[in-house]
Protein backbone atom coordinates (compact mmCIF):
# COMPACT_ATOMS: atom_id res chain seq x y z
CA MET A 1 -23.33 45.29 -218.07
CA SER A 2 -23.33 41.70 -219.11
CA GLU A 3 -25.28 40.60 -222.32
CA PRO A 4 -28.01 37.89 -222.29
CA ALA A 5 -26.34 36.38 -225.21
CA VAL A 6 -23.14 36.02 -223.57
CA GLU A 7 -24.55 34.52 -220.42
CA ASN A 8 -26.65 31.74 -222.29
CA ASP A 9 -23.80 30.95 -224.58
CA PRO A 10 -22.40 27.39 -223.57
CA GLU A 11 -19.07 28.24 -225.49
CA HIS A 12 -18.55 31.15 -223.14
CA ALA A 13 -19.46 29.03 -220.04
CA ARG A 14 -16.92 26.13 -221.28
CA ARG A 15 -14.13 28.79 -221.72
CA LEU A 16 -14.56 30.36 -218.45
CA ALA A 17 -14.51 26.80 -216.63
CA TRP A 18 -11.45 26.04 -218.39
CA VAL A 19 -9.69 29.29 -217.55
CA ASN A 20 -10.67 28.88 -213.93
CA LYS A 21 -9.47 25.37 -213.81
CA VAL A 22 -6.05 26.62 -214.96
CA ARG A 23 -6.16 29.48 -212.66
CA GLY A 24 -6.77 27.15 -209.70
CA LEU A 25 -4.11 24.69 -210.51
CA HIS A 26 -1.34 24.91 -207.45
CA ARG A 27 -3.15 27.63 -205.63
CA ASN A 28 -2.33 26.51 -202.45
CA LYS A 29 1.37 26.04 -203.34
CA ARG A 30 1.37 29.70 -204.85
CA MET A 31 0.27 30.94 -201.66
CA ILE A 32 2.78 29.11 -199.62
CA GLY A 33 5.60 30.39 -202.08
CA PHE A 34 4.22 33.90 -201.56
CA ALA A 35 4.17 33.75 -197.79
CA GLY A 36 7.68 32.19 -198.07
CA ILE A 37 9.02 35.25 -200.23
CA VAL A 38 7.45 37.55 -197.81
CA ALA A 39 8.82 35.72 -194.64
CA GLY A 40 12.43 35.38 -196.25
CA ALA A 41 12.58 38.83 -197.19
CA GLY A 42 11.44 39.96 -193.85
CA MET A 43 14.08 37.67 -192.07
CA LEU A 44 16.76 39.07 -194.42
CA MET A 45 15.56 42.74 -193.66
CA TRP A 46 15.89 41.99 -189.92
CA TRP A 47 19.11 40.30 -189.96
CA LYS A 48 20.19 43.47 -192.17
CA MET A 49 18.69 46.29 -189.98
CA THR A 50 19.46 44.87 -186.53
CA PRO A 51 22.95 45.17 -185.44
CA HIS A 52 23.16 42.05 -182.99
CA ALA A 53 20.94 39.49 -185.36
CA PRO A 54 22.56 36.30 -185.63
CA ASP A 55 24.06 35.03 -188.85
CA TRP A 56 21.84 32.21 -189.01
CA ALA A 57 19.07 34.58 -189.99
CA MET A 58 20.79 35.60 -193.16
CA TRP A 59 21.12 31.80 -194.42
CA THR A 60 17.76 31.00 -193.21
CA GLY A 61 16.17 34.06 -194.98
CA GLY A 62 18.02 33.27 -198.36
CA GLY A 63 17.10 29.52 -198.06
CA ILE A 64 13.46 30.39 -197.55
CA LEU A 65 13.55 32.87 -200.39
CA ALA A 66 15.29 30.36 -202.79
CA ALA A 67 12.83 27.65 -201.92
CA SER A 68 10.00 29.94 -202.40
CA TRP A 69 11.22 31.20 -205.82
CA LEU A 70 11.68 27.40 -207.00
CA LEU A 71 8.27 26.74 -205.96
CA PHE A 72 6.98 29.66 -208.02
CA ILE A 73 9.09 28.57 -211.03
CA PHE A 74 7.74 25.13 -210.61
CA VAL A 75 4.12 26.13 -210.29
CA ILE A 76 4.43 28.59 -213.37
CA PHE A 77 6.19 25.69 -215.42
CA ASP A 78 3.41 22.90 -214.50
CA ARG A 79 0.56 25.28 -215.30
CA TRP A 80 2.29 25.77 -218.73
CA ARG A 81 3.02 22.31 -219.39
CA TYR A 82 -0.79 21.50 -218.33
CA VAL A 83 -2.11 24.12 -220.87
CA LYS A 84 0.21 22.87 -223.48
CA ASN A 85 -1.25 19.32 -222.88
CA ASN A 86 -4.75 20.50 -222.33
CA PRO A 87 -5.54 23.32 -224.74
CA TYR A 88 -8.66 24.82 -224.69
CA ARG A 89 -10.82 23.28 -227.78
CA THR A 90 -14.00 24.80 -229.06
CA ASP A 91 -15.10 21.40 -230.21
CA ALA A 92 -16.13 20.07 -226.81
CA PRO A 93 -17.94 16.86 -226.16
CA THR A 94 -21.69 16.83 -225.94
């Protein structure tokens, strides 16, 4: 149960807004990266488990996995850079 003092605290509201902004950065890119990792791993599993799967499935699955992980790394780095350049400050302008 939340306390009434926390609900009416403007500092708490500003902090939650800042955290939600940081969490929302590159949300679509993260979802695309996650879908790419699942698709790439699925393609590699298909290539590995199916005897007559074409060799392009291995290269395509590996490429999708590599690109998706690079996208994830970019998102993590860019979020870190944003937080470093825009830290949460308790002395918000009024």
